[in-house]
Amino acid sequence: MRPIYKFNESCQGTVPQAIIAFLESDHFEHAIRLAVSLGGDSDTLAAITGSIAETYYGEIPTDIVE
């Protein structure tokens, strides 16, 4: 996905990548790191991916919250 992804602030260009980042992750932090590593609109990608990951993996790890 990285070679073809570029900045795109639309939901059609952001949500699918956020979902893929979550699906490829093993835990909450991994999901966020994958989303940010895509570049482009990384803050939006991380926010969407983080919302999905928190719901799936449970609470955000304490060390990240702090």
PDB file of N, CA and C in Angstrom:
ATOM      1  N   MET A   1       0.815  -1.185   0.000  1.00  0.00           N
ATOM      2  CA  MET A   1       0.000   0.000   0.000  1.00  0.00           C
ATOM      3  C   MET A   1       0.868   1.262   0.000  1.00  0.00           C
ATOM      4  N   ARG A   2       2.006   1.249   0.660  1.00  0.00           N
ATOM      5  CA  ARG A   2       2.839   2.455   0.778  1.00  0.00           C
ATOM      6  C   ARG A   2       3.281   3.035  -0.566  1.00  0.00           C
ATOM      7  N   PRO A   3       3.698   2.202  -1.522  1.00  0.00           N
ATOM      8  CA  PRO A   3       4.176   2.794  -2.788  1.00  0.00           C
ATOM      9  C   PRO A   3       3.118   3.603  -3.543  1.00  0.00           C
ATOM     10  N   ILE A   4       1.850   3.289  -3.362  1.00  0.00           N
ATOM     11  CA  ILE A   4       0.815   3.985  -4.121  1.00  0.00           C
ATOM     12  C   ILE A   4       0.041   5.012  -3.294  1.00  0.00           C
ATOM     13  N   TYR A   5       0.211   5.029  -1.977  1.00  0.00           N
ATOM     14  CA  TYR A   5      -0.557   5.951  -1.134  1.00  0.00           C
ATOM     15  C   TYR A   5       0.063   7.339  -1.157  1.00  0.00           C
ATOM     16  N   LYS A   6      -0.795   8.340  -1.262  1.00  0.00           N
ATOM     17  CA  LYS A   6      -0.355   9.730  -1.173  1.00  0.00           C
ATOM     18  C   LYS A   6      -1.401  10.502  -0.389  1.00  0.00           C
ATOM     19  N   PHE A   7      -1.077  11.726  -0.035  1.00  0.00           N
ATOM     20  CA  PHE A   7      -1.984  12.541   0.765  1.00  0.00           C
ATOM     21  C   PHE A   7      -3.357  12.609   0.102  1.00  0.00           C
ATOM     22  N   ASN A   8      -4.380  12.305   0.891  1.00  0.00           N
ATOM     23  CA  ASN A   8      -5.753  12.386   0.425  1.00  0.00           C
ATOM     24  C   ASN A   8      -6.624  12.570   1.661  1.00  0.00           C
ATOM     25  N   GLU A   9      -7.219  13.754   1.781  1.00  0.00           N
ATOM     26  CA  GLU A   9      -7.990  14.054   2.984  1.00  0.00           C
ATOM     27  C   GLU A   9      -9.441  13.592   2.915  1.00  0.00           C
ATOM     28  N   SER A  10      -9.852  13.040   1.782  1.00  0.00           N
ATOM     29  CA  SER A  10     -11.238  12.580   1.663  1.00  0.00           C
ATOM     30  C   SER A  10     -11.441  11.270   2.428  1.00  0.00           C
ATOM     31  N   CYS A  11     -12.687  10.994   2.797  1.00  0.00           N
ATOM     32  CA  CYS A  11     -12.943   9.743   3.515  1.00  0.00           C
ATOM     33  C   CYS A  11     -12.684   8.543   2.612  1.00  0.00           C
ATOM     34  N   GLN A  12     -12.941   8.683   1.317  1.00  0.00           N
ATOM     35  CA  GLN A  12     -12.684   7.579   0.389  1.00  0.00           C
ATOM     36  C   GLN A  12     -11.187   7.281   0.267  1.00  0.00           C
ATOM     37  N   GLY A  13     -10.366   8.282   0.516  1.00  0.00           N
ATOM     38  CA  GLY A  13      -8.923   8.095   0.415  1.00  0.00           C
ATOM     39  C   GLY A  13      -8.236   7.832   1.740  1.00  0.00           C
ATOM     40  N   THR A  14      -8.975   7.897   2.839  1.00  0.00           N
ATOM     41  CA  THR A  14      -8.370   7.733   4.158  1.00  0.00           C
ATOM     42  C   THR A  14      -8.902   6.518   4.910  1.00  0.00           C
ATOM     43  N   VAL A  15     -10.198   6.331   4.932  1.00  0.00           N
ATOM     44  CA  VAL A  15     -10.795   5.248   5.722  1.00  0.00           C
ATOM     45  C   VAL A  15     -10.303   3.861   5.295  1.00  0.00           C
ATOM     46  N   PRO A  16     -10.245   3.548   3.993  1.00  0.00           N
ATOM     47  CA  PRO A  16      -9.753   2.205   3.634  1.00  0.00           C
ATOM     48  C   PRO A  16      -8.331   1.930   4.131  1.00  0.00           C
ATOM     49  N   GLN A  17      -7.457   2.934   4.052  1.00  0.00           N
ATOM     50  CA  GLN A  17      -6.082   2.754   4.522  1.00  0.00           C
ATOM     51  C   GLN A  17      -6.041   2.578   6.032  1.00  0.00           C
ATOM     52  N   ALA A  18      -6.891   3.289   6.743  1.00  0.00           N
ATOM     53  CA  ALA A  18      -6.954   3.148   8.202  1.00  0.00           C
ATOM     54  C   ALA A  18      -7.416   1.748   8.587  1.00  0.00           C
ATOM     55  N   ILE A  19      -8.391   1.236   7.875  1.00  0.00           N
ATOM     56  CA  ILE A  19      -8.891  -0.116   8.147  1.00  0.00           C
ATOM     57  C   ILE A  19      -7.812  -1.146   7.855  1.00  0.00           C
ATOM     58  N   ILE A  20      -7.096  -0.977   6.758  1.00  0.00           N
ATOM     59  CA  ILE A  20      -6.019  -1.917   6.420  1.00  0.00           C
ATOM     60  C   ILE A  20      -4.926  -1.878   7.479  1.00  0.00           C
ATOM     61  N   ALA A  21      -4.561  -0.680   7.948  1.00  0.00           N
ATOM     62  CA  ALA A  21      -3.543  -0.573   9.009  1.00  0.00           C
ATOM     63  C   ALA A  21      -3.990  -1.339  10.242  1.00  0.00           C
ATOM     64  N   PHE A  22      -5.253  -1.201  10.616  1.00  0.00           N
ATOM     65  CA  PHE A  22      -5.771  -1.952  11.767  1.00  0.00           C
ATOM     66  C   PHE A  22      -5.724  -3.451  11.505  1.00  0.00           C
ATOM     67  N   LEU A  23      -6.192  -3.887  10.352  1.00  0.00           N
ATOM     68  CA  LEU A  23      -6.246  -5.322  10.054  1.00  0.00           C
ATOM     69  C   LEU A  23      -4.867  -5.977  10.031  1.00  0.00           C
ATOM     70  N   GLU A  24      -3.848  -5.220   9.684  1.00  0.00           N
ATOM     71  CA  GLU A  24      -2.485  -5.764   9.643  1.00  0.00           C
ATOM     72  C   GLU A  24      -1.779  -5.702  10.998  1.00  0.00           C
ATOM     73  N   SER A  25      -2.421  -5.123  11.994  1.00  0.00           N
ATOM     74  CA  SER A  25      -1.777  -4.929  13.303  1.00  0.00           C
ATOM     75  C   SER A  25      -1.955  -6.122  14.232  1.00  0.00           C
ATOM     76  N   ASP A  26      -1.067  -6.155  15.246  1.00  0.00           N
ATOM     77  CA  ASP A  26      -1.103  -7.204  16.268  1.00  0.00           C
ATOM     78  C   ASP A  26      -1.580  -6.676  17.617  1.00  0.00           C
ATOM     79  N   HIS A  27      -1.484  -5.367  17.818  1.00  0.00           N
ATOM     80  CA  HIS A  27      -1.900  -4.735  19.073  1.00  0.00           C
ATOM     81  C   HIS A  27      -2.103  -3.250  18.822  1.00  0.00           C
ATOM     82  N   PHE A  28      -2.589  -2.534  19.824  1.00  0.00           N
ATOM     83  CA  PHE A  28      -2.959  -1.126  19.662  1.00  0.00           C
ATOM     84  C   PHE A  28      -1.816  -0.272  19.115  1.00  0.00           C
ATOM     85  N   GLU A  29      -0.665  -0.307  19.770  1.00  0.00           N
ATOM     86  CA  GLU A  29       0.453   0.536  19.336  1.00  0.00           C
ATOM     87  C   GLU A  29       0.893   0.195  17.920  1.00  0.00           C
ATOM     88  N   HIS A  30       0.893  -1.071  17.591  1.00  0.00           N
ATOM     89  CA  HIS A  30       1.267  -1.501  16.248  1.00  0.00           C
ATOM     90  C   HIS A  30       0.327  -0.884  15.207  1.00  0.00           C
ATOM     91  N   ALA A  31      -0.964  -0.841  15.504  1.00  0.00           N
ATOM     92  CA  ALA A  31      -1.942  -0.253  14.591  1.00  0.00           C
ATOM     93  C   ALA A  31      -1.636   1.224  14.336  1.00  0.00           C
ATOM     94  N   ILE A  32      -1.356   1.960  15.410  1.00  0.00           N
ATOM     95  CA  ILE A  32      -1.053   3.385  15.275  1.00  0.00           C
ATOM     96  C   ILE A  32       0.228   3.594  14.478  1.00  0.00           C
ATOM     97  N   ARG A  33       1.234   2.808  14.781  1.00  0.00           N
ATOM     98  CA  ARG A  33       2.510   2.937  14.065  1.00  0.00           C
ATOM     99  C   ARG A  33       2.352   2.643  12.576  1.00  0.00           C
ATOM    100  N   LEU A  34       1.566   1.633  12.250  1.00  0.00           N
ATOM    101  CA  LEU A  34       1.319   1.328  10.839  1.00  0.00           C
ATOM    102  C   LEU A  34       0.612   2.484  10.142  1.00  0.00           C
ATOM    103  N   ALA A  35      -0.372   3.047  10.797  1.00  0.00           N
ATOM    104  CA  ALA A  35      -1.110   4.166  10.207  1.00  0.00           C
ATOM    105  C   ALA A  35      -0.197   5.365   9.959  1.00  0.00           C
ATOM    106  N   VAL A  36       0.594   5.729  10.954  1.00  0.00           N
ATOM    107  CA  VAL A  36       1.489   6.882  10.820  1.00  0.00           C
ATOM    108  C   VAL A  36       2.549   6.627   9.751  1.00  0.00           C
ATOM    109  N   SER A  37       3.001   5.399   9.641  1.00  0.00           N
ATOM    110  CA  SER A  37       4.057   5.082   8.678  1.00  0.00           C
ATOM    111  C   SER A  37       3.613   5.245   7.227  1.00  0.00           C
ATOM    112  N   LEU A  38       2.322   5.312   7.001  1.00  0.00           N
ATOM    113  CA  LEU A  38       1.837   5.510   5.636  1.00  0.00           C
ATOM    114  C   LEU A  38       2.120   6.913   5.124  1.00  0.00           C
ATOM    115  N   GLY A  39       2.282   7.862   6.056  1.00  0.00           N
ATOM    116  CA  GLY A  39       2.505   9.242   5.653  1.00  0.00           C
ATOM    117  C   GLY A  39       1.202   9.880   5.204  1.00  0.00           C
ATOM    118  N   GLY A  40       1.296  10.862   4.341  1.00  0.00           N
ATOM    119  CA  GLY A  40       0.087  11.523   3.874  1.00  0.00           C
ATOM    120  C   GLY A  40      -0.643  12.201   5.013  1.00  0.00           C
ATOM    121  N   ASP A  41      -1.926  11.973   5.102  1.00  0.00           N
ATOM    122  CA  ASP A  41      -2.753  12.579   6.151  1.00  0.00           C
ATOM    123  C   ASP A  41      -2.658  11.716   7.412  1.00  0.00           C
ATOM    124  N   SER A  42      -1.450  11.605   7.963  1.00  0.00           N
ATOM    125  CA  SER A  42      -1.172  10.628   9.023  1.00  0.00           C
ATOM    126  C   SER A  42      -1.928  10.884  10.316  1.00  0.00           C
ATOM    127  N   ASP A  43      -2.224  12.144  10.660  1.00  0.00           N
ATOM    128  CA  ASP A  43      -2.962  12.383  11.900  1.00  0.00           C
ATOM    129  C   ASP A  43      -4.394  11.859  11.791  1.00  0.00           C
ATOM    130  N   THR A  44      -5.006  12.033  10.638  1.00  0.00           N
ATOM    131  CA  THR A  44      -6.357  11.505  10.434  1.00  0.00           C
ATOM    132  C   THR A  44      -6.335   9.981  10.365  1.00  0.00           C
ATOM    133  N   LEU A  45      -5.360   9.430   9.671  1.00  0.00           N
ATOM    134  CA  LEU A  45      -5.223   7.972   9.595  1.00  0.00           C
ATOM    135  C   LEU A  45      -5.061   7.370  10.988  1.00  0.00           C
ATOM    136  N   ALA A  46      -4.197   7.979  11.803  1.00  0.00           N
ATOM    137  CA  ALA A  46      -3.959   7.473  13.154  1.00  0.00           C
ATOM    138  C   ALA A  46      -5.200   7.589  14.021  1.00  0.00           C
ATOM    139  N   ALA A  47      -5.954   8.678  13.872  1.00  0.00           N
ATOM    140  CA  ALA A  47      -7.167   8.858  14.667  1.00  0.00           C
ATOM    141  C   ALA A  47      -8.210   7.801  14.327  1.00  0.00           C
ATOM    142  N   ILE A  48      -8.391   7.543  13.052  1.00  0.00           N
ATOM    143  CA  ILE A  48      -9.374   6.534  12.632  1.00  0.00           C
ATOM    144  C   ILE A  48      -8.910   5.146  13.042  1.00  0.00           C
ATOM    145  N   THR A  49      -7.656   4.835  12.755  1.00  0.00           N
ATOM    146  CA  THR A  49      -7.109   3.520  13.101  1.00  0.00           C
ATOM    147  C   THR A  49      -7.146   3.303  14.609  1.00  0.00           C
ATOM    148  N   GLY A  50      -6.788   4.331  15.374  1.00  0.00           N
ATOM    149  CA  GLY A  50      -6.791   4.227  16.827  1.00  0.00           C
ATOM    150  C   GLY A  50      -8.176   3.958  17.390  1.00  0.00           C
ATOM    151  N   SER A  51      -9.180   4.569  16.806  1.00  0.00           N
ATOM    152  CA  SER A  51     -10.555   4.339  17.262  1.00  0.00           C
ATOM    153  C   SER A  51     -10.974   2.891  17.046  1.00  0.00           C
ATOM    154  N   ILE A  52     -10.620   2.360  15.908  1.00  0.00           N
ATOM    155  CA  ILE A  52     -10.947   0.951  15.614  1.00  0.00           C
ATOM    156  C   ILE A  52     -10.153   0.028  16.536  1.00  0.00           C
ATOM    157  N   ALA A  53      -8.850   0.313  16.662  1.00  0.00           N
ATOM    158  CA  ALA A  53      -7.970  -0.542  17.467  1.00  0.00           C
ATOM    159  C   ALA A  53      -8.363  -0.540  18.936  1.00  0.00           C
ATOM    160  N   GLU A  54      -8.741   0.611  19.469  1.00  0.00           N
ATOM    161  CA  GLU A  54      -9.140   0.662  20.886  1.00  0.00           C
ATOM    162  C   GLU A  54     -10.378  -0.200  21.117  1.00  0.00           C
ATOM    163  N   THR A  55     -11.308  -0.130  20.209  1.00  0.00           N
ATOM    164  CA  THR A  55     -12.525  -0.931  20.337  1.00  0.00           C
ATOM    165  C   THR A  55     -12.206  -2.423  20.278  1.00  0.00           C
ATOM    166  N   TYR A  56     -11.310  -2.802  19.394  1.00  0.00           N
ATOM    167  CA  TYR A  56     -10.995  -4.216  19.205  1.00  0.00           C
ATOM    168  C   TYR A  56     -10.066  -4.765  20.287  1.00  0.00           C
ATOM    169  N   TYR A  57      -8.979  -4.040  20.569  1.00  0.00           N
ATOM    170  CA  TYR A  57      -7.961  -4.528  21.507  1.00  0.00           C
ATOM    171  C   TYR A  57      -8.265  -4.201  22.966  1.00  0.00           C
ATOM    172  N   GLY A  58      -9.236  -3.366  23.207  1.00  0.00           N
ATOM    173  CA  GLY A  58      -9.548  -2.964  24.578  1.00  0.00           C
ATOM    174  C   GLY A  58      -8.946  -1.613  24.883  1.00  0.00           C
ATOM    175  N   GLU A  59      -8.675  -1.368  26.135  1.00  0.00           N
ATOM    176  CA  GLU A  59      -8.170  -0.064  26.559  1.00  0.00           C
ATOM    177  C   GLU A  59      -6.832   0.271  25.915  1.00  0.00           C
ATOM    178  N   ILE A  60      -6.590   1.577  25.818  1.00  0.00           N
ATOM    179  CA  ILE A  60      -5.287   2.043  25.336  1.00  0.00           C
ATOM    180  C   ILE A  60      -4.269   1.739  26.430  1.00  0.00           C
ATOM    181  N   PRO A  61      -3.101   1.163  26.076  1.00  0.00           N
ATOM    182  CA  PRO A  61      -2.095   0.846  27.099  1.00  0.00           C
ATOM    183  C   PRO A  61      -1.724   2.068  27.932  1.00  0.00           C
ATOM    184  N   THR A  62      -1.537   1.861  29.225  1.00  0.00           N
ATOM    185  CA  THR A  62      -1.262   2.936  30.177  1.00  0.00           C
ATOM    186  C   THR A  62      -0.048   3.760  29.793  1.00  0.00           C
ATOM    187  N   ASP A  63       1.022   3.121  29.332  1.00  0.00           N
ATOM    188  CA  ASP A  63       2.232   3.869  28.977  1.00  0.00           C
ATOM    189  C   ASP A  63       1.982   4.833  27.816  1.00  0.00           C
ATOM    190  N   ILE A  64       1.065   4.516  26.942  1.00  0.00           N
ATOM    191  CA  ILE A  64       0.730   5.420  25.842  1.00  0.00           C
ATOM    192  C   ILE A  64      -0.136   6.562  26.354  1.00  0.00           C
ATOM    193  N   VAL A  65      -1.058   6.271  27.226  1.00  0.00           N
ATOM    194  CA  VAL A  65      -1.936   7.312  27.794  1.00  0.00           C
ATOM    195  C   VAL A  65      -1.113   8.331  28.550  1.00  0.00           C
ATOM    196  N   GLU A  66      -0.135   7.854  29.336  1.00  0.00           N
ATOM    197  CA  GLU A  66       0.704   8.765  30.120  1.00  0.00           C
ATOM    198  C   GLU A  66       1.561   9.593  29.221  1.00  0.00           C
TER     199      GLU A  66
END
